[in-house]
Amino acid sequence: MEQVSEQNHNLWRGRRTLCQLLNDRLYIVSDADLTMTKEAFEAKFPVDGQGRVPRENLQMLVAHKNDPTDTLMAFFPDNKDKKSIGKADINRYLLRMKQEGVHRAILVVQQKPSSVAAKTLQECRDEYVVEIFLDNELLVNITHHILVPKHVLLTDEQKAALLARYKLQETQLPRILETDAVARYFGLRKGQVVKIIRPSETAGRYVTYRLCS
């Protein structure tokens, strides 16, 4: 029973971090979800007969603040047997996305997908972008850590203005890998530029830019 209680506790933390992640990506998330307490979580998502919070009930559909047609679905696959999600699971979620007219999704999983499932996601990437986060990657919000500076994603227009202002080619910018933890948090994709703001004792703040690769 203690293990079940810990799993429910971690689901609460993970969902709250996911809501903060979506908010930072400018998707519409309620204040109640962003600051949800454990008590509010338990009230909103009752446990089943085994005392577990059904992961499927945590599913979300959100729209972008600046573009209502830009929608994203979040799924919490429930693999009670602790096995990795497979190709059939991925196809089920892709079908659900197609039915809802959604082209972006986040899967919060207990274990990494099987190699076949990962290959399926790569093959459909031109049409559907599906990100994978493990439960334990969302237990804390890494951007709230004191050592992580503020990151701001530039729009295409802001990127073009930056390059023109400093007469740069984008390949001349420092890099941030798509697999970097902060890049994954913000959902950065190849070619996007992020502005990084660090405190400075002399100038007040120090700004750099990195190209996602």
N, C-alpha and C. Protein backbone atom coordinates (compact mmCIF):
# COMPACT_ATOMS: atom_id res chain seq x y z
N MET A 1 0.83 -1.21 0.00
CA MET A 1 0.00 0.00 0.00
C MET A 1 0.87 1.26 0.00
N GLU A 2 2.00 1.18 0.68
CA GLU A 2 2.91 2.32 0.73
C GLU A 2 3.45 2.64 -0.66
N GLN A 3 3.71 1.58 -1.45
CA GLN A 3 4.19 1.79 -2.81
C GLN A 3 3.14 2.48 -3.68
N VAL A 4 1.89 2.07 -3.51
CA VAL A 4 0.79 2.69 -4.26
C VAL A 4 0.66 4.16 -3.89
N SER A 5 0.78 4.46 -2.61
CA SER A 5 0.70 5.84 -2.14
C SER A 5 1.81 6.69 -2.75
N GLU A 6 3.01 6.12 -2.85
CA GLU A 6 4.14 6.84 -3.44
C GLU A 6 3.90 7.09 -4.92
N GLN A 7 3.33 6.11 -5.61
CA GLN A 7 3.03 6.27 -7.03
C GLN A 7 2.03 7.38 -7.26
N ASN A 8 1.00 7.42 -6.43
CA ASN A 8 0.00 8.49 -6.54
C ASN A 8 0.62 9.85 -6.26
N HIS A 9 1.49 9.89 -5.27
CA HIS A 9 2.18 11.13 -4.91
C HIS A 9 3.03 11.62 -6.09
N ASN A 10 3.74 10.70 -6.73
CA ASN A 10 4.60 11.05 -7.86
C ASN A 10 3.78 11.49 -9.07
N LEU A 11 2.60 10.89 -9.25
CA LEU A 11 1.73 11.31 -10.34
C LEU A 11 1.25 12.74 -10.14
N TRP A 12 0.95 13.08 -8.91
CA TRP A 12 0.55 14.46 -8.60
C TRP A 12 1.68 15.42 -8.95
N ARG A 13 2.89 15.11 -8.51
CA ARG A 13 4.03 15.98 -8.79
C ARG A 13 4.31 16.06 -10.29
N GLY A 14 4.25 14.90 -10.96
CA GLY A 14 4.54 14.86 -12.39
C GLY A 14 3.54 15.65 -13.21
N ARG A 15 2.26 15.52 -12.87
CA ARG A 15 1.23 16.25 -13.61
C ARG A 15 1.37 17.75 -13.40
N ARG A 16 1.68 18.15 -12.18
CA ARG A 16 1.84 19.57 -11.90
C ARG A 16 3.02 20.15 -12.68
N THR A 17 4.13 19.42 -12.73
CA THR A 17 5.28 19.87 -13.51
C THR A 17 4.94 19.94 -14.99
N LEU A 18 4.18 18.95 -15.47
CA LEU A 18 3.77 18.95 -16.87
C LEU A 18 2.93 20.19 -17.18
N CYS A 19 2.04 20.55 -16.28
CA CYS A 19 1.22 21.74 -16.47
C CYS A 19 2.09 22.99 -16.53
N GLN A 20 3.12 23.06 -15.69
CA GLN A 20 4.04 24.19 -15.70
C GLN A 20 4.82 24.22 -17.00
N LEU A 21 5.23 23.06 -17.48
CA LEU A 21 5.95 22.94 -18.76
C LEU A 21 5.07 23.47 -19.90
N LEU A 22 3.82 23.05 -19.93
CA LEU A 22 2.90 23.49 -20.97
C LEU A 22 2.67 25.00 -20.90
N ASN A 23 2.54 25.52 -19.70
CA ASN A 23 2.36 26.95 -19.50
C ASN A 23 3.57 27.72 -20.02
N ASP A 24 4.77 27.21 -19.75
CA ASP A 24 6.00 27.87 -20.22
C ASP A 24 6.13 27.80 -21.74
N ARG A 25 5.46 26.84 -22.34
CA ARG A 25 5.44 26.76 -23.81
C ARG A 25 4.28 27.58 -24.39
N LEU A 26 3.60 28.32 -23.53
CA LEU A 26 2.50 29.22 -23.90
C LEU A 26 1.21 28.49 -24.27
N TYR A 27 1.02 27.30 -23.72
CA TYR A 27 -0.27 26.64 -23.85
C TYR A 27 -1.17 27.07 -22.69
N ILE A 28 -2.46 27.04 -22.91
CA ILE A 28 -3.40 27.52 -21.91
C ILE A 28 -3.62 26.46 -20.84
N VAL A 29 -3.22 26.78 -19.62
CA VAL A 29 -3.37 25.90 -18.47
C VAL A 29 -3.94 26.72 -17.32
N SER A 30 -4.89 26.17 -16.60
CA SER A 30 -5.52 26.93 -15.51
C SER A 30 -4.56 27.13 -14.34
N ASP A 31 -4.79 28.20 -13.60
CA ASP A 31 -3.98 28.46 -12.40
C ASP A 31 -4.14 27.32 -11.39
N ALA A 32 -5.34 26.74 -11.35
CA ALA A 32 -5.58 25.64 -10.41
C ALA A 32 -4.69 24.44 -10.72
N ASP A 33 -4.47 24.17 -12.01
CA ASP A 33 -3.60 23.07 -12.39
C ASP A 33 -2.13 23.39 -12.13
N LEU A 34 -1.75 24.64 -12.33
CA LEU A 34 -0.35 25.04 -12.14
C LEU A 34 0.08 24.94 -10.68
N THR A 35 -0.85 25.17 -9.78
CA THR A 35 -0.51 25.20 -8.35
C THR A 35 -1.25 24.12 -7.56
N MET A 36 -1.71 23.08 -8.26
CA MET A 36 -2.55 22.06 -7.63
C MET A 36 -1.89 21.41 -6.42
N THR A 37 -2.60 21.42 -5.31
CA THR A 37 -2.11 20.77 -4.10
C THR A 37 -2.39 19.28 -4.17
N LYS A 38 -1.76 18.52 -3.27
CA LYS A 38 -2.00 17.08 -3.23
C LYS A 38 -3.47 16.80 -2.92
N GLU A 39 -4.06 17.58 -2.05
CA GLU A 39 -5.46 17.39 -1.67
C GLU A 39 -6.39 17.65 -2.87
N ALA A 40 -6.09 18.69 -3.63
CA ALA A 40 -6.91 19.01 -4.80
C ALA A 40 -6.76 17.93 -5.86
N PHE A 41 -5.55 17.40 -6.00
CA PHE A 41 -5.30 16.32 -6.96
C PHE A 41 -6.12 15.08 -6.60
N GLU A 42 -6.12 14.74 -5.32
CA GLU A 42 -6.85 13.55 -4.87
C GLU A 42 -8.35 13.73 -5.05
N ALA A 43 -8.83 14.97 -4.92
CA ALA A 43 -10.26 15.23 -5.10
C ALA A 43 -10.65 15.18 -6.57
N LYS A 44 -9.76 15.64 -7.44
CA LYS A 44 -10.06 15.68 -8.87
C LYS A 44 -9.89 14.31 -9.53
N PHE A 45 -8.96 13.51 -9.00
CA PHE A 45 -8.67 12.21 -9.60
C PHE A 45 -8.80 11.11 -8.54
N PRO A 46 -10.02 10.64 -8.28
CA PRO A 46 -10.25 9.61 -7.27
C PRO A 46 -9.51 8.31 -7.61
N VAL A 47 -9.15 7.56 -6.60
CA VAL A 47 -8.43 6.30 -6.79
C VAL A 47 -9.41 5.20 -7.19
N ASP A 48 -8.86 4.13 -7.76
CA ASP A 48 -9.69 2.98 -8.14
C ASP A 48 -9.81 2.01 -6.97
N GLY A 49 -10.31 0.82 -7.23
CA GLY A 49 -10.51 -0.17 -6.17
C GLY A 49 -9.23 -0.64 -5.52
N GLN A 50 -8.09 -0.43 -6.20
CA GLN A 50 -6.79 -0.83 -5.65
C GLN A 50 -6.06 0.34 -5.01
N GLY A 51 -6.75 1.45 -4.91
CA GLY A 51 -6.14 2.62 -4.28
C GLY A 51 -5.24 3.41 -5.20
N ARG A 52 -5.25 3.10 -6.50
CA ARG A 52 -4.39 3.79 -7.47
C ARG A 52 -5.17 4.88 -8.20
N VAL A 53 -4.46 5.95 -8.54
CA VAL A 53 -5.03 6.97 -9.42
C VAL A 53 -4.88 6.45 -10.85
N PRO A 54 -6.00 6.22 -11.56
CA PRO A 54 -5.89 5.74 -12.95
C PRO A 54 -5.14 6.74 -13.81
N ARG A 55 -4.05 6.32 -14.38
CA ARG A 55 -3.22 7.22 -15.18
C ARG A 55 -3.97 7.79 -16.38
N GLU A 56 -4.85 6.98 -16.96
CA GLU A 56 -5.58 7.44 -18.15
C GLU A 56 -6.42 8.68 -17.85
N ASN A 57 -6.84 8.85 -16.59
CA ASN A 57 -7.68 9.99 -16.22
C ASN A 57 -6.92 11.32 -16.23
N LEU A 58 -5.59 11.25 -16.32
CA LEU A 58 -4.78 12.46 -16.29
C LEU A 58 -4.60 13.08 -17.68
N GLN A 59 -5.17 12.46 -18.68
CA GLN A 59 -5.04 12.93 -20.06
C GLN A 59 -5.46 14.39 -20.18
N MET A 60 -4.75 15.15 -21.04
CA MET A 60 -5.04 16.58 -21.21
C MET A 60 -5.05 16.95 -22.68
N LEU A 61 -5.81 17.99 -23.01
CA LEU A 61 -5.82 18.59 -24.33
C LEU A 61 -5.76 20.09 -24.14
N VAL A 62 -4.71 20.72 -24.67
CA VAL A 62 -4.52 22.16 -24.46
C VAL A 62 -4.28 22.86 -25.80
N ALA A 63 -4.62 24.14 -25.85
CA ALA A 63 -4.42 24.96 -27.04
C ALA A 63 -3.41 26.06 -26.74
N HIS A 64 -2.68 26.47 -27.77
CA HIS A 64 -1.68 27.52 -27.61
C HIS A 64 -2.35 28.88 -27.45
N LYS A 65 -1.77 29.73 -26.61
CA LYS A 65 -2.34 31.04 -26.33
C LYS A 65 -2.39 31.92 -27.58
N ASN A 66 -1.38 31.79 -28.44
CA ASN A 66 -1.29 32.66 -29.60
C ASN A 66 -1.87 32.05 -30.88
N ASP A 67 -2.19 30.77 -30.82
CA ASP A 67 -2.72 30.08 -32.00
C ASP A 67 -3.63 28.93 -31.56
N PRO A 68 -4.93 29.17 -31.50
CA PRO A 68 -5.87 28.13 -31.03
C PRO A 68 -5.83 26.85 -31.85
N THR A 69 -5.31 26.93 -33.09
CA THR A 69 -5.23 25.72 -33.92
C THR A 69 -4.04 24.85 -33.54
N ASP A 70 -3.12 25.42 -32.75
CA ASP A 70 -1.95 24.67 -32.27
C ASP A 70 -2.34 23.99 -30.96
N THR A 71 -2.73 22.73 -31.07
CA THR A 71 -3.17 21.99 -29.89
C THR A 71 -2.22 20.86 -29.57
N LEU A 72 -2.25 20.43 -28.33
CA LEU A 72 -1.35 19.37 -27.85
C LEU A 72 -2.11 18.46 -26.88
N MET A 73 -1.88 17.17 -27.01
CA MET A 73 -2.49 16.21 -26.09
C MET A 73 -1.39 15.61 -25.21
N ALA A 74 -1.72 15.38 -23.96
CA ALA A 74 -0.80 14.72 -23.03
C ALA A 74 -1.44 13.43 -22.54
N PHE A 75 -0.68 12.34 -22.62
CA PHE A 75 -1.17 11.03 -22.21
C PHE A 75 -0.28 10.46 -21.10
N PHE A 76 -0.90 9.71 -20.22
CA PHE A 76 -0.18 9.00 -19.16
C PHE A 76 -0.46 7.50 -19.33
N PRO A 77 0.25 6.82 -20.24
CA PRO A 77 -0.01 5.39 -20.46
C PRO A 77 0.09 4.59 -19.17
N ASP A 78 -0.82 3.65 -19.00
CA ASP A 78 -0.85 2.82 -17.80
C ASP A 78 -0.40 1.40 -18.15
N ASN A 79 0.84 1.09 -17.84
CA ASN A 79 1.38 -0.25 -18.08
C ASN A 79 1.51 -0.96 -16.74
N LYS A 80 0.42 -1.57 -16.34
CA LYS A 80 0.40 -2.21 -15.02
C LYS A 80 1.42 -3.33 -14.91
N ASP A 81 1.76 -3.94 -16.06
CA ASP A 81 2.73 -5.04 -16.03
C ASP A 81 4.16 -4.53 -16.04
N LYS A 82 4.32 -3.19 -16.04
CA LYS A 82 5.63 -2.54 -15.99
C LYS A 82 6.45 -2.72 -17.27
N LYS A 83 5.84 -3.25 -18.31
CA LYS A 83 6.56 -3.40 -19.58
C LYS A 83 6.54 -2.07 -20.33
N SER A 84 7.50 -1.91 -21.23
CA SER A 84 7.54 -0.69 -22.03
C SER A 84 6.35 -0.64 -22.97
N ILE A 85 5.93 0.58 -23.31
CA ILE A 85 4.86 0.69 -24.30
C ILE A 85 5.41 0.27 -25.66
N GLY A 86 4.57 -0.38 -26.44
CA GLY A 86 5.00 -0.92 -27.72
C GLY A 86 4.39 -0.21 -28.90
N LYS A 87 4.58 -0.80 -30.07
CA LYS A 87 4.09 -0.20 -31.31
C LYS A 87 2.57 -0.07 -31.30
N ALA A 88 1.88 -1.08 -30.78
CA ALA A 88 0.41 -1.04 -30.74
C ALA A 88 -0.07 0.13 -29.88
N ASP A 89 0.62 0.38 -28.76
CA ASP A 89 0.26 1.51 -27.89
C ASP A 89 0.44 2.83 -28.63
N ILE A 90 1.58 2.97 -29.31
CA ILE A 90 1.87 4.20 -30.05
C ILE A 90 0.82 4.42 -31.13
N ASN A 91 0.48 3.37 -31.85
CA ASN A 91 -0.52 3.51 -32.91
C ASN A 91 -1.88 3.92 -32.35
N ARG A 92 -2.20 3.44 -31.14
CA ARG A 92 -3.46 3.81 -30.52
C ARG A 92 -3.49 5.31 -30.19
N TYR A 93 -2.37 5.83 -29.70
CA TYR A 93 -2.32 7.25 -29.39
C TYR A 93 -2.29 8.10 -30.67
N LEU A 94 -1.61 7.62 -31.69
CA LEU A 94 -1.59 8.34 -32.96
C LEU A 94 -2.99 8.41 -33.56
N LEU A 95 -3.74 7.32 -33.43
CA LEU A 95 -5.12 7.30 -33.93
C LEU A 95 -5.97 8.31 -33.17
N ARG A 96 -5.78 8.37 -31.86
CA ARG A 96 -6.54 9.32 -31.04
C ARG A 96 -6.19 10.76 -31.45
N MET A 97 -4.93 11.01 -31.72
CA MET A 97 -4.51 12.34 -32.16
C MET A 97 -5.15 12.69 -33.51
N LYS A 98 -5.17 11.71 -34.42
CA LYS A 98 -5.78 11.93 -35.73
C LYS A 98 -7.25 12.25 -35.59
N GLN A 99 -7.94 11.53 -34.72
CA GLN A 99 -9.37 11.77 -34.51
C GLN A 99 -9.64 13.16 -33.95
N GLU A 100 -8.72 13.65 -33.12
CA GLU A 100 -8.89 14.97 -32.49
C GLU A 100 -8.30 16.09 -33.34
N GLY A 101 -7.62 15.73 -34.44
CA GLY A 101 -6.99 16.74 -35.27
C GLY A 101 -5.79 17.39 -34.61
N VAL A 102 -5.08 16.62 -33.80
CA VAL A 102 -3.92 17.10 -33.04
C VAL A 102 -2.64 16.51 -33.63
N HIS A 103 -1.60 17.33 -33.73
CA HIS A 103 -0.35 16.87 -34.32
C HIS A 103 0.83 16.89 -33.34
N ARG A 104 0.58 17.26 -32.10
CA ARG A 104 1.62 17.26 -31.08
C ARG A 104 1.10 16.54 -29.84
N ALA A 105 1.98 15.78 -29.20
CA ALA A 105 1.58 15.08 -27.98
C ALA A 105 2.78 14.84 -27.09
N ILE A 106 2.49 14.65 -25.82
CA ILE A 106 3.50 14.26 -24.83
C ILE A 106 3.01 12.98 -24.16
N LEU A 107 3.87 11.99 -24.10
CA LEU A 107 3.57 10.76 -23.37
C LEU A 107 4.42 10.74 -22.12
N VAL A 108 3.77 10.60 -20.97
CA VAL A 108 4.49 10.47 -19.69
C VAL A 108 4.43 8.99 -19.32
N VAL A 109 5.58 8.33 -19.38
CA VAL A 109 5.61 6.88 -19.28
C VAL A 109 6.41 6.41 -18.07
N GLN A 110 6.17 5.16 -17.69
CA GLN A 110 6.87 4.57 -16.56
C GLN A 110 8.24 4.04 -16.97
N GLN A 111 8.34 3.56 -18.21
CA GLN A 111 9.61 3.08 -18.75
C GLN A 111 9.75 3.55 -20.18
N LYS A 112 10.97 3.55 -20.69
CA LYS A 112 11.20 3.97 -22.07
C LYS A 112 10.45 3.05 -23.03
N PRO A 113 9.94 3.61 -24.13
CA PRO A 113 9.25 2.79 -25.12
C PRO A 113 10.19 1.74 -25.71
N SER A 114 9.62 0.69 -26.25
CA SER A 114 10.42 -0.33 -26.91
C SER A 114 11.09 0.26 -28.14
N SER A 115 12.10 -0.39 -28.64
CA SER A 115 12.82 0.11 -29.81
C SER A 115 11.89 0.21 -31.03
N VAL A 116 10.97 -0.74 -31.13
CA VAL A 116 10.01 -0.72 -32.25
C VAL A 116 9.07 0.47 -32.12
N ALA A 117 8.64 0.76 -30.89
CA ALA A 117 7.77 1.91 -30.66
C ALA A 117 8.50 3.22 -30.97
N ALA A 118 9.75 3.30 -30.56
CA ALA A 118 10.56 4.49 -30.84
C ALA A 118 10.74 4.69 -32.34
N LYS A 119 10.93 3.61 -33.07
CA LYS A 119 11.07 3.69 -34.52
C LYS A 119 9.77 4.18 -35.16
N THR A 120 8.63 3.72 -34.64
CA THR A 120 7.33 4.16 -35.14
C THR A 120 7.17 5.67 -34.97
N LEU A 121 7.62 6.19 -33.84
CA LEU A 121 7.53 7.63 -33.60
C LEU A 121 8.41 8.42 -34.58
N GLN A 122 9.59 7.89 -34.86
CA GLN A 122 10.49 8.55 -35.80
C GLN A 122 9.90 8.57 -37.21
N GLU A 123 9.26 7.47 -37.58
CA GLU A 123 8.71 7.35 -38.94
C GLU A 123 7.55 8.32 -39.19
N CYS A 124 6.85 8.70 -38.13
CA CYS A 124 5.69 9.58 -38.31
C CYS A 124 5.99 11.02 -37.93
N ARG A 125 7.27 11.33 -37.70
CA ARG A 125 7.63 12.63 -37.14
C ARG A 125 7.29 13.80 -38.07
N ASP A 126 7.22 13.57 -39.38
CA ASP A 126 6.88 14.65 -40.29
C ASP A 126 5.44 15.12 -40.09
N GLU A 127 4.60 14.23 -39.61
CA GLU A 127 3.19 14.57 -39.42
C GLU A 127 2.82 14.74 -37.95
N TYR A 128 3.41 13.90 -37.08
CA TYR A 128 3.09 13.94 -35.65
C TYR A 128 4.36 14.05 -34.82
N VAL A 129 4.39 15.01 -33.93
CA VAL A 129 5.51 15.16 -33.00
C VAL A 129 5.07 14.64 -31.65
N VAL A 130 5.67 13.54 -31.22
CA VAL A 130 5.32 12.92 -29.95
C VAL A 130 6.56 12.89 -29.06
N GLU A 131 6.51 13.60 -27.95
CA GLU A 131 7.63 13.65 -27.01
C GLU A 131 7.41 12.65 -25.88
N ILE A 132 8.51 12.10 -25.40
CA ILE A 132 8.46 11.11 -24.32
C ILE A 132 9.15 11.65 -23.08
N PHE A 133 8.47 11.60 -21.95
CA PHE A 133 9.07 11.92 -20.66
C PHE A 133 8.82 10.75 -19.71
N LEU A 134 9.86 10.38 -18.98
CA LEU A 134 9.68 9.38 -17.93
C LEU A 134 9.06 10.05 -16.71
N ASP A 135 8.36 9.26 -15.91
CA ASP A 135 7.76 9.78 -14.68
C ASP A 135 8.76 10.57 -13.85
N ASN A 136 9.94 9.97 -13.65
CA ASN A 136 10.90 10.59 -12.73
C ASN A 136 11.55 11.85 -13.30
N GLU A 137 11.37 12.11 -14.61
CA GLU A 137 11.90 13.34 -15.19
C GLU A 137 11.02 14.54 -14.89
N LEU A 138 9.80 14.29 -14.42
CA LEU A 138 8.88 15.37 -14.14
C LEU A 138 8.57 15.53 -12.65
N LEU A 139 9.33 14.84 -11.81
CA LEU A 139 9.09 14.97 -10.37
C LEU A 139 9.42 16.37 -9.87
N VAL A 140 10.38 17.01 -10.52
CA VAL A 140 10.72 18.39 -10.17
C VAL A 140 10.81 19.20 -11.46
N ASN A 141 10.57 20.48 -11.36
CA ASN A 141 10.69 21.39 -12.50
C ASN A 141 12.13 21.89 -12.55
N ILE A 142 12.89 21.42 -13.53
CA ILE A 142 14.31 21.76 -13.58
C ILE A 142 14.54 23.24 -13.80
N THR A 143 13.60 23.93 -14.42
CA THR A 143 13.79 25.36 -14.67
C THR A 143 13.65 26.20 -13.41
N HIS A 144 13.15 25.58 -12.33
CA HIS A 144 13.04 26.29 -11.06
C HIS A 144 14.32 26.18 -10.22
N HIS A 145 15.28 25.40 -10.72
CA HIS A 145 16.53 25.23 -9.98
C HIS A 145 17.35 26.51 -10.06
N ILE A 146 17.99 26.86 -8.97
CA ILE A 146 18.73 28.12 -8.87
C ILE A 146 19.87 28.20 -9.89
N LEU A 147 20.40 27.05 -10.32
CA LEU A 147 21.53 27.04 -11.25
C LEU A 147 21.10 27.07 -12.72
N VAL A 148 19.80 27.00 -12.97
CA VAL A 148 19.31 27.02 -14.36
C VAL A 148 18.86 28.44 -14.69
N PRO A 149 19.54 29.12 -15.63
CA PRO A 149 19.16 30.49 -15.99
C PRO A 149 17.85 30.52 -16.76
N LYS A 150 17.29 31.70 -16.92
CA LYS A 150 16.04 31.85 -17.64
C LYS A 150 16.25 31.62 -19.13
N HIS A 151 15.38 30.82 -19.74
CA HIS A 151 15.43 30.55 -21.17
C HIS A 151 14.17 31.12 -21.82
N VAL A 152 14.33 31.79 -22.96
CA VAL A 152 13.20 32.36 -23.69
C VAL A 152 13.33 31.95 -25.16
N LEU A 153 12.34 31.24 -25.67
CA LEU A 153 12.36 30.81 -27.07
C LEU A 153 12.03 32.00 -27.97
N LEU A 154 12.87 32.22 -29.00
CA LEU A 154 12.62 33.29 -29.94
C LEU A 154 11.65 32.83 -31.03
N THR A 155 10.81 33.74 -31.47
CA THR A 155 9.96 33.46 -32.62
C THR A 155 10.83 33.49 -33.88
N ASP A 156 10.29 33.05 -35.00
CA ASP A 156 11.05 33.08 -36.26
C ASP A 156 11.43 34.52 -36.61
N GLU A 157 10.53 35.45 -36.35
CA GLU A 157 10.80 36.87 -36.64
C GLU A 157 11.91 37.41 -35.74
N GLN A 158 11.88 37.04 -34.46
CA GLN A 158 12.91 37.48 -33.53
C GLN A 158 14.27 36.87 -33.88
N LYS A 159 14.26 35.63 -34.33
CA LYS A 159 15.50 34.97 -34.76
C LYS A 159 16.10 35.70 -35.96
N ALA A 160 15.26 36.01 -36.94
CA ALA A 160 15.74 36.70 -38.14
C ALA A 160 16.30 38.08 -37.79
N ALA A 161 15.64 38.78 -36.87
CA ALA A 161 16.09 40.11 -36.45
C ALA A 161 17.44 40.01 -35.73
N LEU A 162 17.60 38.98 -34.92
CA LEU A 162 18.86 38.77 -34.19
C LEU A 162 20.01 38.55 -35.17
N LEU A 163 19.80 37.68 -36.14
CA LEU A 163 20.86 37.37 -37.11
C LEU A 163 21.20 38.60 -37.95
N ALA A 164 20.17 39.36 -38.31
CA ALA A 164 20.41 40.55 -39.12
C ALA A 164 21.15 41.62 -38.31
N ARG A 165 20.78 41.75 -37.07
CA ARG A 165 21.38 42.78 -36.22
C ARG A 165 22.88 42.57 -36.05
N TYR A 166 23.28 41.31 -35.85
CA TYR A 166 24.70 41.02 -35.62
C TYR A 166 25.41 40.48 -36.86
N LYS A 167 24.68 40.49 -38.01
CA LYS A 167 25.24 40.03 -39.29
C LYS A 167 25.84 38.62 -39.15
N LEU A 168 25.01 37.71 -38.64
CA LEU A 168 25.45 36.34 -38.38
C LEU A 168 24.69 35.35 -39.24
N GLN A 169 25.34 34.23 -39.51
CA GLN A 169 24.65 33.06 -40.01
C GLN A 169 24.25 32.24 -38.79
N GLU A 170 23.13 31.52 -38.86
CA GLU A 170 22.68 30.79 -37.67
C GLU A 170 23.71 29.77 -37.21
N THR A 171 24.53 29.25 -38.14
CA THR A 171 25.55 28.27 -37.78
C THR A 171 26.67 28.86 -36.93
N GLN A 172 26.71 30.18 -36.85
CA GLN A 172 27.74 30.84 -36.04
C GLN A 172 27.32 30.96 -34.57
N LEU A 173 26.08 30.66 -34.28
CA LEU A 173 25.61 30.73 -32.90
C LEU A 173 26.07 29.51 -32.11
N PRO A 174 26.30 29.68 -30.81
CA PRO A 174 26.58 28.52 -29.95
C PRO A 174 25.40 27.55 -30.00
N ARG A 175 25.65 26.29 -29.69
CA ARG A 175 24.61 25.26 -29.84
C ARG A 175 24.03 24.82 -28.50
N ILE A 176 22.81 24.37 -28.58
CA ILE A 176 22.18 23.62 -27.49
C ILE A 176 21.57 22.38 -28.13
N LEU A 177 21.88 21.23 -27.60
CA LEU A 177 21.41 19.98 -28.20
C LEU A 177 19.91 19.78 -27.95
N GLU A 178 19.25 19.18 -28.91
CA GLU A 178 17.83 18.88 -28.80
C GLU A 178 17.56 17.95 -27.61
N THR A 179 18.59 17.18 -27.22
CA THR A 179 18.45 16.23 -26.12
C THR A 179 18.77 16.85 -24.76
N ASP A 180 19.22 18.09 -24.74
CA ASP A 180 19.49 18.78 -23.48
C ASP A 180 18.22 18.84 -22.63
N ALA A 181 18.37 18.69 -21.32
CA ALA A 181 17.20 18.63 -20.44
C ALA A 181 16.33 19.87 -20.55
N VAL A 182 16.94 21.04 -20.60
CA VAL A 182 16.17 22.27 -20.70
C VAL A 182 15.54 22.40 -22.09
N ALA A 183 16.27 21.98 -23.13
CA ALA A 183 15.73 22.00 -24.49
C ALA A 183 14.50 21.11 -24.57
N ARG A 184 14.55 19.95 -23.93
CA ARG A 184 13.41 19.04 -23.93
C ARG A 184 12.24 19.65 -23.16
N TYR A 185 12.53 20.32 -22.08
CA TYR A 185 11.47 20.96 -21.29
C TYR A 185 10.68 21.95 -22.14
N PHE A 186 11.41 22.76 -22.94
CA PHE A 186 10.75 23.76 -23.76
C PHE A 186 10.33 23.23 -25.12
N GLY A 187 10.66 21.98 -25.41
CA GLY A 187 10.27 21.40 -26.68
C GLY A 187 11.00 21.99 -27.86
N LEU A 188 12.27 22.38 -27.67
CA LEU A 188 13.03 23.01 -28.75
C LEU A 188 13.25 22.03 -29.89
N ARG A 189 13.20 22.56 -31.10
CA ARG A 189 13.44 21.77 -32.29
C ARG A 189 14.61 22.35 -33.08
N LYS A 190 15.21 21.50 -33.90
CA LYS A 190 16.37 21.90 -34.69
C LYS A 190 16.10 23.20 -35.45
N GLY A 191 17.02 24.16 -35.32
CA GLY A 191 16.88 25.42 -36.03
C GLY A 191 16.29 26.54 -35.19
N GLN A 192 15.69 26.19 -34.05
CA GLN A 192 15.14 27.23 -33.17
C GLN A 192 16.24 27.85 -32.32
N VAL A 193 16.03 29.10 -31.94
CA VAL A 193 17.02 29.82 -31.14
C VAL A 193 16.41 30.18 -29.79
N VAL A 194 17.18 29.99 -28.74
CA VAL A 194 16.71 30.31 -27.41
C VAL A 194 17.61 31.39 -26.81
N LYS A 195 16.98 32.34 -26.13
CA LYS A 195 17.69 33.41 -25.44
C LYS A 195 17.89 32.99 -23.99
N ILE A 196 19.13 33.08 -23.52
CA ILE A 196 19.46 32.65 -22.16
C ILE A 196 19.91 33.86 -21.36
N ILE A 197 19.23 34.11 -20.25
CA ILE A 197 19.50 35.29 -19.44
C ILE A 197 20.07 34.87 -18.10
N ARG A 198 21.31 35.28 -17.85
CA ARG A 198 21.98 34.97 -16.58
C ARG A 198 22.23 36.24 -15.79
N PRO A 199 22.19 36.17 -14.46
CA PRO A 199 22.52 37.35 -13.65
C PRO A 199 24.00 37.67 -13.76
N SER A 200 24.32 38.96 -13.72
CA SER A 200 25.71 39.41 -13.80
C SER A 200 25.96 40.46 -12.73
N GLU A 201 27.05 40.30 -12.00
CA GLU A 201 27.36 41.25 -10.92
C GLU A 201 27.71 42.63 -11.48
N THR A 202 28.25 42.69 -12.70
CA THR A 202 28.68 43.97 -13.26
C THR A 202 27.61 44.62 -14.14
N ALA A 203 26.94 43.80 -14.95
CA ALA A 203 25.98 44.36 -15.92
C ALA A 203 24.53 44.15 -15.51
N GLY A 204 24.30 43.46 -14.41
CA GLY A 204 22.94 43.19 -13.99
C GLY A 204 22.43 41.88 -14.57
N ARG A 205 22.65 41.72 -15.87
CA ARG A 205 22.30 40.45 -16.50
C ARG A 205 23.18 40.23 -17.73
N TYR A 206 23.36 38.98 -18.08
CA TYR A 206 24.21 38.60 -19.21
C TYR A 206 23.38 37.73 -20.15
N VAL A 207 23.27 38.16 -21.41
CA VAL A 207 22.40 37.48 -22.36
C VAL A 207 23.21 36.77 -23.43
N THR A 208 22.87 35.50 -23.69
CA THR A 208 23.48 34.75 -24.78
C THR A 208 22.36 34.09 -25.57
N TYR A 209 22.71 33.59 -26.75
CA TYR A 209 21.75 32.92 -27.61
C TYR A 209 22.32 31.57 -28.05
N ARG A 210 21.47 30.59 -28.14
CA ARG A 210 21.91 29.27 -28.58
C ARG A 210 20.96 28.72 -29.64
N LEU A 211 21.56 28.05 -30.61
CA LEU A 211 20.80 27.42 -31.69
C LEU A 211 20.59 25.95 -31.36
N CYS A 212 19.35 25.49 -31.44
CA CYS A 212 19.06 24.09 -31.17
C CYS A 212 19.51 23.23 -32.35
N SER A 213 20.24 22.18 -32.04
CA SER A 213 20.75 21.29 -33.09
C SER A 213 20.63 19.84 -32.64
